[in-house]
N, C-alpha and C. Protein backbone atom coordinates (compact mmCIF):
# COMPACT_ATOMS: atom_id res chain seq x y z
N UNK A 1 -11.77 -10.06 -13.60
CA UNK A 1 -12.46 -9.85 -12.63
C UNK A 1 -11.59 -8.30 -11.63
N UNK A 2 -12.07 -7.33 -11.48
CA UNK A 2 -11.33 -6.42 -10.85
C UNK A 2 -11.58 -6.98 -9.58
N UNK A 3 -9.90 -6.14 -8.69
CA UNK A 3 -10.31 -6.66 -7.25
C UNK A 3 -9.81 -4.67 -6.91
N UNK A 4 -10.39 -4.33 -5.21
CA UNK A 4 -10.32 -3.36 -4.88
C UNK A 4 -8.93 -3.72 -3.64
N UNK A 5 -8.15 -2.72 -3.33
CA UNK A 5 -7.24 -2.68 -2.56
C UNK A 5 -6.91 -1.60 -1.36
N UNK A 6 -6.78 -1.84 0.13
CA UNK A 6 -6.90 -0.31 0.36
C UNK A 6 -4.89 -0.12 0.37
N UNK A 7 -5.20 1.04 0.16
CA UNK A 7 -3.32 1.54 0.15
C UNK A 7 -3.43 2.37 1.43
N UNK A 8 -2.10 2.75 1.94
CA UNK A 8 -1.73 3.71 2.99
C UNK A 8 -0.45 4.14 2.29
N UNK A 9 -1.07 5.67 2.03
CA UNK A 9 0.52 6.59 1.82
C UNK A 9 0.50 7.63 2.59
N UNK A 10 2.20 7.45 2.82
CA UNK A 10 2.53 8.49 3.79
C UNK A 10 3.48 9.21 3.10
N UNK A 11 4.40 10.08 3.69
CA UNK A 11 5.17 10.61 2.77
C UNK A 11 6.53 10.50 3.74
N UNK A 12 7.48 10.21 3.54
CA UNK A 12 9.07 10.43 4.59
C UNK A 12 9.86 10.99 4.65
N UNK A 13 10.50 11.37 5.24
CA UNK A 13 11.52 11.97 5.81
C UNK A 13 12.14 12.75 4.58
N UNK A 14 12.81 12.34 3.37
CA UNK A 14 13.46 12.83 2.26
C UNK A 14 12.17 13.22 1.10
N UNK A 15 10.79 13.58 1.52
CA UNK A 15 9.80 13.68 0.47
C UNK A 15 9.41 12.86 -0.33
N UNK A 16 9.93 11.67 -0.23
CA UNK A 16 9.11 10.80 -1.17
C UNK A 16 7.67 9.85 -0.48
N UNK A 17 6.93 9.84 -1.37
CA UNK A 17 5.78 9.42 -1.24
C UNK A 17 5.82 7.84 -0.90
N UNK A 18 5.24 7.00 -0.02
CA UNK A 18 5.37 5.52 0.00
C UNK A 18 3.97 5.06 0.56
N UNK A 19 3.79 4.18 -0.53
CA UNK A 19 2.35 3.21 -0.54
C UNK A 19 2.69 1.91 -0.16
N UNK A 20 1.59 1.58 0.44
CA UNK A 20 1.57 0.05 1.02
C UNK A 20 0.33 -0.36 1.02
N UNK A 21 0.52 -1.70 0.85
CA UNK A 21 -0.80 -2.36 0.91
C UNK A 21 -0.79 -3.69 1.87
N UNK A 22 -1.58 -3.32 3.10
CA UNK A 22 -1.58 -3.87 4.01
C UNK A 22 -2.22 -5.25 3.47
N UNK A 23 -3.01 -5.64 2.80
CA UNK A 23 -3.59 -7.11 2.65
C UNK A 23 -2.35 -7.79 2.05
N UNK A 24 -1.47 -7.39 1.07
CA UNK A 24 -0.52 -8.21 0.56
C UNK A 24 0.74 -7.83 1.45
N UNK A 25 1.38 -8.91 1.82
CA UNK A 25 2.76 -8.75 2.48
C UNK A 25 3.86 -8.51 1.56
N UNK A 26 4.36 -7.19 2.18
CA UNK A 26 5.59 -6.53 1.38
C UNK A 26 5.45 -6.16 0.05
N UNK A 27 3.97 -5.21 0.02
CA UNK A 27 3.80 -4.76 -1.13
C UNK A 27 3.70 -3.58 -0.76
N UNK A 28 4.91 -2.55 -1.12
CA UNK A 28 4.83 -1.42 -1.20
C UNK A 28 5.88 -0.89 -2.42
N UNK A 29 5.90 0.59 -2.33
CA UNK A 29 6.38 1.59 -3.50
C UNK A 29 6.79 2.80 -3.12
N UNK A 30 7.29 3.36 -3.51
CA UNK A 30 7.50 4.84 -3.46
C UNK A 30 7.61 5.50 -4.75
N UNK A 31 7.54 6.82 -4.60
CA UNK A 31 7.85 7.76 -5.57
C UNK A 31 7.75 9.13 -5.27
N UNK A 32 8.19 10.46 -6.00
CA UNK A 32 7.71 11.59 -6.09
C UNK A 32 6.73 11.97 -6.08
N UNK A 33 5.52 11.63 -7.01
CA UNK A 33 4.85 12.39 -7.29
C UNK A 33 3.42 11.24 -7.04
N UNK A 34 2.20 12.07 -6.66
CA UNK A 34 0.92 11.14 -6.35
C UNK A 34 0.85 10.01 -7.65
N UNK A 35 0.69 10.74 -8.75
CA UNK A 35 0.64 10.40 -10.40
C UNK A 35 1.23 9.02 -10.49
N UNK A 36 3.15 9.31 -10.18
CA UNK A 36 3.61 8.25 -10.16
C UNK A 36 3.53 7.23 -9.10
N UNK A 37 3.17 7.68 -8.13
CA UNK A 37 2.65 6.57 -6.90
C UNK A 37 2.01 5.65 -7.28
N UNK A 38 0.45 6.04 -7.94
CA UNK A 38 -0.07 5.40 -8.09
C UNK A 38 -0.19 4.30 -9.48
N UNK A 39 0.76 4.86 -10.31
CA UNK A 39 1.08 3.78 -11.47
C UNK A 39 1.72 2.84 -10.76
N UNK A 40 2.80 3.37 -9.89
CA UNK A 40 3.57 1.98 -9.19
C UNK A 40 2.99 0.77 -8.50
N UNK A 41 2.04 1.72 -7.78
CA UNK A 41 1.26 0.76 -7.08
C UNK A 41 0.26 -0.23 -7.38
N UNK A 42 -0.13 0.22 -9.05
CA UNK A 42 -0.76 -0.79 -9.45
C UNK A 42 -0.14 -1.99 -9.90
N UNK A 43 1.37 -1.62 -10.44
CA UNK A 43 2.01 -2.63 -10.98
C UNK A 43 2.43 -3.37 -9.76
N UNK A 44 3.03 -3.01 -8.46
CA UNK A 44 3.48 -3.97 -7.28
C UNK A 44 2.23 -4.63 -6.77
N UNK A 45 1.33 -4.10 -7.27
CA UNK A 45 -0.25 -4.99 -6.34
C UNK A 45 -0.17 -6.37 -7.27
N UNK A 46 0.11 -5.92 -8.90
CA UNK A 46 -0.11 -7.12 -9.95
C UNK A 46 0.96 -7.70 -9.78
N UNK A 47 2.21 -7.28 -9.46
CA UNK A 47 3.18 -8.60 -8.84
C UNK A 47 3.30 -9.40 -8.04
N UNK A 48 2.64 -8.42 -6.82
CA UNK A 48 2.26 -9.58 -5.74
C UNK A 48 1.28 -10.49 -5.81
N UNK A 49 0.14 -10.18 -6.41
CA UNK A 49 -0.83 -11.17 -7.09
C UNK A 49 0.04 -12.50 -7.69
N UNK A 50 0.60 -11.66 -8.75
CA UNK A 50 1.41 -12.72 -9.61
C UNK A 50 2.17 -13.53 -8.79
N UNK A 51 3.04 -13.32 -8.02
CA UNK A 51 3.89 -14.09 -6.98
C UNK A 51 3.39 -14.78 -6.06
N UNK A 52 2.35 -14.57 -4.93
CA UNK A 52 1.72 -14.79 -3.76
C UNK A 52 0.12 -15.25 -3.98
N UNK A 53 -0.33 -14.71 -5.12
CA UNK A 53 -1.83 -15.04 -5.13
C UNK A 53 -2.47 -14.24 -4.37
N UNK A 54 -3.74 -14.10 -4.61
CA UNK A 54 -5.20 -13.36 -4.24
C UNK A 54 -4.68 -14.20 -2.78
N UNK A 55 -5.48 -12.97 -1.93
CA UNK A 55 -5.57 -13.53 -0.43
C UNK A 55 -7.16 -14.01 -0.48
N UNK A 56 -7.34 -14.71 0.51
CA UNK A 56 -8.60 -15.48 0.67
C UNK A 56 -9.56 -14.69 1.13
N UNK A 57 -9.38 -13.90 2.17
CA UNK A 57 -10.54 -12.88 2.98
C UNK A 57 -9.99 -11.62 3.27
N UNK A 58 -10.25 -10.92 2.37
CA UNK A 58 -9.56 -9.66 2.78
C UNK A 58 -9.62 -9.02 3.98
N UNK A 59 -9.15 -8.06 4.57
CA UNK A 59 -9.71 -7.50 5.99
C UNK A 59 -10.46 -6.35 5.70
N UNK A 60 -11.53 -5.68 6.30
CA UNK A 60 -12.19 -4.44 6.54
C UNK A 60 -11.55 -3.42 7.01
N UNK A 61 -11.37 -2.40 5.96
CA UNK A 61 -10.76 -1.09 6.32
C UNK A 61 -11.82 -0.54 7.41
N UNK A 62 -11.24 -0.07 8.52
CA UNK A 62 -11.95 0.57 9.49
C UNK A 62 -11.50 1.94 9.38
N UNK A 63 -9.99 2.27 9.22
CA UNK A 63 -9.67 3.64 9.55
C UNK A 63 -8.36 3.77 9.95
N UNK A 64 -7.23 4.78 10.41
CA UNK A 64 -6.38 4.85 10.49
C UNK A 64 -6.32 6.08 12.11
N UNK A 65 -4.95 5.80 12.88
CA UNK A 65 -5.13 6.34 14.20
C UNK A 65 -3.74 6.86 14.65
N UNK A 66 -3.44 7.75 14.88
CA UNK A 66 -2.08 7.87 15.49
C UNK A 66 -2.01 7.93 16.86
N UNK A 67 -0.89 7.16 17.58
CA UNK A 67 -1.06 6.82 18.42
C UNK A 67 0.22 6.93 19.27
N UNK A 68 0.27 8.14 20.27
CA UNK A 68 1.48 8.98 21.42
C UNK A 68 2.01 7.61 22.02
N UNK A 69 3.54 7.37 22.04
CA UNK A 69 3.80 6.63 23.31
C UNK A 69 5.40 7.79 23.67
N UNK A 70 5.73 7.65 24.71
CA UNK A 70 7.29 7.93 25.48
C UNK A 70 8.59 6.99 24.45
N UNK A 71 9.25 7.92 24.37
CA UNK A 71 10.63 6.77 23.69
C UNK A 71 10.99 7.84 22.71
């Protein structure tokens, strides 16, 4: 049975693409290219599911919003 996950992808200050899966605690990876990142993301999701098991009720993706604060 296939399961879909929302993945947040950002670019860090050194140019690496960083993927995180909010639904799975500690599930993140990085790579230089998007193709490599997506491959690694699938691998890390499988590892997280193997280690911690599936989440019971996934969160519904609503959106991403930038918020500015002083500091």
